[in-house]
Amino acid sequence: MAFVVTSNCKKCRFTDCVAVCPVECFHADEEMLYIDPEECIDCGACVPECPVEAIYDEAQLPDDQTEWLDINKEKAQSLPVISEQVDPLPGAEERKEELGF
């Protein structure tokens, strides 16, 4: 099992989760973060850190978000690891508000 980043991360890319990950399983592109399921140790430290509730345990992934399992796995293979907290994307606070957080 692993944790999965879902659509709420899109256009935000808050990296609070990255800062607490003990195994550096996060990868990033210009739009969001992804978790490598091969590297994730299922510790769950990242979940409470996400200010937009974009991270789910694979077993508790909402039905309308299941495609993110494959997206995370695929994207993580080709993107660089992100292991340090960086500034969120411009407009992230507005996106957070849009999402109701």
N, C-alpha and C. Protein backbone atom coordinates (compact mmCIF):
# COMPACT_ATOMS: atom_id res chain seq x y z
N MET A 1 0.84 -1.18 0.00
CA MET A 1 0.00 0.00 0.00
C MET A 1 0.88 1.24 0.00
N ALA A 2 0.29 2.31 -0.48
CA ALA A 2 1.00 3.58 -0.53
C ALA A 2 -0.02 4.71 -0.38
N PHE A 3 0.50 5.89 -0.27
CA PHE A 3 -0.34 7.06 -0.27
C PHE A 3 -0.35 7.65 -1.67
N VAL A 4 -1.39 8.42 -1.97
CA VAL A 4 -1.62 8.92 -3.33
C VAL A 4 -1.95 10.41 -3.28
N VAL A 5 -1.31 11.18 -4.15
CA VAL A 5 -1.66 12.60 -4.28
C VAL A 5 -2.75 12.70 -5.34
N THR A 6 -3.78 13.47 -5.04
CA THR A 6 -4.94 13.58 -5.94
C THR A 6 -5.08 15.00 -6.50
N SER A 7 -6.17 15.22 -7.19
CA SER A 7 -6.40 16.46 -7.94
C SER A 7 -6.37 17.74 -7.12
N ASN A 8 -6.61 17.69 -5.83
CA ASN A 8 -6.58 18.92 -5.03
C ASN A 8 -5.20 19.58 -5.03
N CYS A 9 -4.17 18.81 -5.33
CA CYS A 9 -2.81 19.36 -5.36
C CYS A 9 -2.57 20.21 -6.61
N LYS A 10 -3.34 19.96 -7.65
CA LYS A 10 -3.16 20.67 -8.92
C LYS A 10 -3.27 22.17 -8.73
N LYS A 11 -2.30 22.88 -9.25
CA LYS A 11 -2.22 24.34 -9.23
C LYS A 11 -1.96 24.90 -7.84
N CYS A 12 -1.61 24.06 -6.88
CA CYS A 12 -1.24 24.50 -5.53
C CYS A 12 0.23 24.20 -5.29
N ARG A 13 0.49 22.91 -5.27
CA ARG A 13 1.82 22.35 -5.00
C ARG A 13 2.41 22.88 -3.69
N PHE A 14 1.60 22.80 -2.63
CA PHE A 14 2.13 23.06 -1.30
C PHE A 14 3.08 21.91 -1.00
N THR A 15 4.19 22.18 -0.38
CA THR A 15 5.18 21.12 -0.14
C THR A 15 5.41 20.83 1.33
N ASP A 16 4.44 21.16 2.16
CA ASP A 16 4.55 20.85 3.59
C ASP A 16 4.75 19.34 3.77
N CYS A 17 4.10 18.56 2.94
CA CYS A 17 4.17 17.10 3.00
C CYS A 17 5.58 16.58 2.71
N VAL A 18 6.24 17.22 1.79
CA VAL A 18 7.59 16.83 1.38
C VAL A 18 8.56 16.94 2.56
N ALA A 19 8.39 18.00 3.33
CA ALA A 19 9.29 18.28 4.45
C ALA A 19 9.27 17.20 5.53
N VAL A 20 8.17 16.46 5.65
CA VAL A 20 8.07 15.44 6.69
C VAL A 20 8.28 14.01 6.19
N CYS A 21 8.43 13.85 4.89
CA CYS A 21 8.58 12.51 4.33
C CYS A 21 9.96 11.92 4.67
N PRO A 22 9.99 10.77 5.35
CA PRO A 22 11.28 10.20 5.75
C PRO A 22 12.02 9.46 4.63
N VAL A 23 11.36 9.22 3.49
CA VAL A 23 12.00 8.43 2.44
C VAL A 23 12.09 9.13 1.08
N GLU A 24 11.76 10.40 1.03
CA GLU A 24 11.86 11.16 -0.20
C GLU A 24 11.13 10.49 -1.37
N CYS A 25 9.85 10.21 -1.17
CA CYS A 25 9.07 9.54 -2.22
C CYS A 25 8.26 10.50 -3.07
N PHE A 26 8.39 11.81 -2.81
CA PHE A 26 7.64 12.79 -3.59
C PHE A 26 8.41 13.21 -4.84
N HIS A 27 7.66 13.42 -5.90
CA HIS A 27 8.19 13.91 -7.17
C HIS A 27 7.33 15.10 -7.57
N ALA A 28 7.89 16.02 -8.37
CA ALA A 28 7.15 17.23 -8.72
C ALA A 28 7.30 17.59 -10.19
N ASP A 29 6.24 18.16 -10.72
CA ASP A 29 6.31 18.80 -12.02
C ASP A 29 5.91 20.25 -11.83
N GLU A 30 5.65 20.96 -12.89
CA GLU A 30 5.33 22.38 -12.80
C GLU A 30 3.95 22.65 -12.22
N GLU A 31 3.15 21.60 -12.01
CA GLU A 31 1.77 21.79 -11.58
C GLU A 31 1.42 21.19 -10.22
N MET A 32 2.06 20.06 -9.86
CA MET A 32 1.68 19.38 -8.63
C MET A 32 2.74 18.37 -8.19
N LEU A 33 2.42 17.63 -7.12
CA LEU A 33 3.29 16.59 -6.57
C LEU A 33 2.70 15.21 -6.86
N TYR A 34 3.57 14.20 -6.78
CA TYR A 34 3.17 12.81 -6.97
C TYR A 34 3.97 11.97 -5.97
N ILE A 35 3.41 10.84 -5.56
CA ILE A 35 4.10 9.91 -4.66
C ILE A 35 4.48 8.66 -5.43
N ASP A 36 5.74 8.26 -5.29
CA ASP A 36 6.20 7.02 -5.90
C ASP A 36 5.76 5.87 -4.99
N PRO A 37 4.85 5.02 -5.46
CA PRO A 37 4.35 3.94 -4.61
C PRO A 37 5.41 2.90 -4.26
N GLU A 38 6.47 2.85 -5.03
CA GLU A 38 7.56 1.91 -4.74
C GLU A 38 8.43 2.41 -3.59
N GLU A 39 8.48 3.71 -3.39
CA GLU A 39 9.31 4.31 -2.35
C GLU A 39 8.53 4.60 -1.07
N CYS A 40 7.24 4.85 -1.19
CA CYS A 40 6.41 5.19 -0.04
C CYS A 40 6.40 4.03 0.97
N ILE A 41 6.64 4.36 2.24
CA ILE A 41 6.64 3.33 3.28
C ILE A 41 5.34 3.30 4.07
N ASP A 42 4.33 4.01 3.58
CA ASP A 42 3.00 3.97 4.17
C ASP A 42 2.97 4.49 5.61
N CYS A 43 3.80 5.50 5.89
CA CYS A 43 3.84 6.02 7.26
C CYS A 43 2.71 7.01 7.54
N GLY A 44 2.23 7.69 6.51
CA GLY A 44 1.13 8.63 6.69
C GLY A 44 1.50 9.99 7.24
N ALA A 45 2.78 10.26 7.42
CA ALA A 45 3.21 11.55 7.97
C ALA A 45 2.79 12.73 7.09
N CYS A 46 2.66 12.50 5.83
CA CYS A 46 2.33 13.56 4.88
C CYS A 46 0.87 14.00 4.94
N VAL A 47 -0.01 13.11 5.29
CA VAL A 47 -1.46 13.39 5.21
C VAL A 47 -1.88 14.62 6.01
N PRO A 48 -1.57 14.72 7.29
CA PRO A 48 -2.03 15.89 8.04
C PRO A 48 -1.33 17.19 7.64
N GLU A 49 -0.23 17.09 6.92
CA GLU A 49 0.51 18.28 6.51
C GLU A 49 -0.07 18.97 5.29
N CYS A 50 -0.88 18.26 4.51
CA CYS A 50 -1.42 18.82 3.27
C CYS A 50 -2.56 19.78 3.58
N PRO A 51 -2.39 21.07 3.25
CA PRO A 51 -3.42 22.05 3.58
C PRO A 51 -4.66 21.98 2.68
N VAL A 52 -4.61 21.16 1.63
CA VAL A 52 -5.77 21.03 0.73
C VAL A 52 -6.30 19.60 0.68
N GLU A 53 -5.88 18.78 1.64
CA GLU A 53 -6.34 17.39 1.76
C GLU A 53 -6.28 16.63 0.43
N ALA A 54 -5.11 16.70 -0.20
CA ALA A 54 -4.91 16.06 -1.50
C ALA A 54 -4.33 14.65 -1.39
N ILE A 55 -3.92 14.23 -0.19
CA ILE A 55 -3.23 12.95 -0.03
C ILE A 55 -4.13 11.95 0.69
N TYR A 56 -4.23 10.77 0.09
CA TYR A 56 -5.06 9.70 0.65
C TYR A 56 -4.28 8.40 0.75
N ASP A 57 -4.63 7.62 1.74
CA ASP A 57 -4.17 6.24 1.79
C ASP A 57 -4.83 5.54 0.60
N GLU A 58 -4.08 4.75 -0.10
CA GLU A 58 -4.59 4.04 -1.28
C GLU A 58 -5.89 3.30 -0.98
N ALA A 59 -6.00 2.71 0.18
CA ALA A 59 -7.19 1.94 0.55
C ALA A 59 -8.41 2.83 0.81
N GLN A 60 -8.19 4.11 1.04
CA GLN A 60 -9.29 5.02 1.34
C GLN A 60 -9.51 6.06 0.24
N LEU A 61 -8.95 5.81 -0.90
CA LEU A 61 -9.07 6.73 -2.03
C LEU A 61 -10.52 6.80 -2.49
N PRO A 62 -11.10 8.01 -2.59
CA PRO A 62 -12.48 8.11 -3.07
C PRO A 62 -12.63 7.53 -4.48
N ASP A 63 -13.77 6.97 -4.76
CA ASP A 63 -14.01 6.33 -6.06
C ASP A 63 -13.74 7.26 -7.23
N ASP A 64 -14.04 8.53 -7.08
CA ASP A 64 -13.84 9.46 -8.19
C ASP A 64 -12.38 9.93 -8.35
N GLN A 65 -11.50 9.37 -7.54
CA GLN A 65 -10.08 9.75 -7.59
C GLN A 65 -9.16 8.56 -7.91
N THR A 66 -9.72 7.42 -8.23
CA THR A 66 -8.90 6.21 -8.41
C THR A 66 -7.89 6.30 -9.54
N GLU A 67 -8.15 7.13 -10.54
CA GLU A 67 -7.18 7.25 -11.64
C GLU A 67 -5.84 7.80 -11.16
N TRP A 68 -5.84 8.45 -10.00
CA TRP A 68 -4.61 9.02 -9.47
C TRP A 68 -3.61 7.97 -9.01
N LEU A 69 -4.06 6.75 -8.77
CA LEU A 69 -3.13 5.66 -8.46
C LEU A 69 -2.14 5.48 -9.60
N ASP A 70 -2.66 5.33 -10.80
CA ASP A 70 -1.81 5.13 -11.98
C ASP A 70 -1.04 6.39 -12.34
N ILE A 71 -1.69 7.54 -12.19
CA ILE A 71 -1.02 8.80 -12.53
C ILE A 71 0.21 9.00 -11.63
N ASN A 72 0.06 8.77 -10.32
CA ASN A 72 1.20 8.92 -9.41
C ASN A 72 2.32 7.98 -9.79
N LYS A 73 1.97 6.72 -10.04
CA LYS A 73 2.99 5.73 -10.37
C LYS A 73 3.73 6.11 -11.65
N GLU A 74 2.99 6.50 -12.65
CA GLU A 74 3.59 6.85 -13.94
C GLU A 74 4.44 8.12 -13.85
N LYS A 75 3.90 9.16 -13.27
CA LYS A 75 4.61 10.44 -13.19
C LYS A 75 5.86 10.35 -12.32
N ALA A 76 5.78 9.61 -11.22
CA ALA A 76 6.92 9.51 -10.32
C ALA A 76 8.14 8.89 -11.01
N GLN A 77 7.90 8.04 -11.98
CA GLN A 77 9.00 7.38 -12.68
C GLN A 77 9.84 8.34 -13.51
N SER A 78 9.22 9.41 -14.00
CA SER A 78 9.93 10.29 -14.93
C SER A 78 10.25 11.68 -14.37
N LEU A 79 9.81 11.96 -13.16
CA LEU A 79 10.02 13.30 -12.60
C LEU A 79 11.07 13.27 -11.49
N PRO A 80 11.71 14.41 -11.25
CA PRO A 80 12.72 14.47 -10.19
C PRO A 80 12.11 14.41 -8.79
N VAL A 81 12.88 13.86 -7.88
CA VAL A 81 12.49 13.82 -6.47
C VAL A 81 12.53 15.25 -5.93
N ILE A 82 11.57 15.56 -5.10
CA ILE A 82 11.58 16.82 -4.37
C ILE A 82 11.67 16.46 -2.89
N SER A 83 12.71 16.96 -2.22
CA SER A 83 12.93 16.55 -0.84
C SER A 83 12.97 17.72 0.14
N GLU A 84 12.79 18.94 -0.38
CA GLU A 84 12.79 20.11 0.49
C GLU A 84 11.57 20.96 0.21
N GLN A 85 11.09 21.59 1.25
CA GLN A 85 9.93 22.46 1.10
C GLN A 85 10.30 23.68 0.28
N VAL A 86 9.44 24.02 -0.67
CA VAL A 86 9.61 25.21 -1.52
C VAL A 86 8.30 26.00 -1.48
N ASP A 87 8.35 27.19 -2.03
CA ASP A 87 7.14 28.02 -2.06
C ASP A 87 6.07 27.36 -2.92
N PRO A 88 4.81 27.50 -2.51
CA PRO A 88 3.72 26.99 -3.35
C PRO A 88 3.64 27.78 -4.65
N LEU A 89 2.87 27.29 -5.57
CA LEU A 89 2.70 27.96 -6.85
C LEU A 89 1.99 29.30 -6.68
N PRO A 90 2.24 30.26 -7.56
CA PRO A 90 1.46 31.50 -7.52
C PRO A 90 -0.02 31.15 -7.66
N GLY A 91 -0.84 31.76 -6.85
CA GLY A 91 -2.27 31.48 -6.88
C GLY A 91 -2.69 30.31 -6.02
N ALA A 92 -1.75 29.69 -5.32
CA ALA A 92 -2.07 28.52 -4.49
C ALA A 92 -3.05 28.85 -3.37
N GLU A 93 -2.90 29.99 -2.76
CA GLU A 93 -3.81 30.37 -1.68
C GLU A 93 -5.23 30.55 -2.20
N GLU A 94 -5.35 31.13 -3.38
CA GLU A 94 -6.67 31.29 -4.00
C GLU A 94 -7.28 29.93 -4.33
N ARG A 95 -6.45 29.03 -4.84
CA ARG A 95 -6.92 27.67 -5.17
C ARG A 95 -7.36 26.97 -3.89
N LYS A 96 -6.60 27.12 -2.83
CA LYS A 96 -6.95 26.54 -1.53
C LYS A 96 -8.33 27.03 -1.08
N GLU A 97 -8.55 28.31 -1.23
CA GLU A 97 -9.85 28.91 -0.86
C GLU A 97 -10.97 28.36 -1.75
N GLU A 98 -10.70 28.24 -3.05
CA GLU A 98 -11.66 27.66 -4.00
C GLU A 98 -12.09 26.25 -3.58
N LEU A 99 -11.12 25.51 -3.08
CA LEU A 99 -11.38 24.13 -2.65
C LEU A 99 -12.09 24.07 -1.30
N GLY A 100 -12.21 25.20 -0.63
CA GLY A 100 -12.94 25.24 0.63
C GLY A 100 -12.09 25.06 1.86
N PHE A 101 -10.81 25.35 1.75
CA PHE A 101 -9.91 25.18 2.90
C PHE A 101 -9.35 26.51 3.36
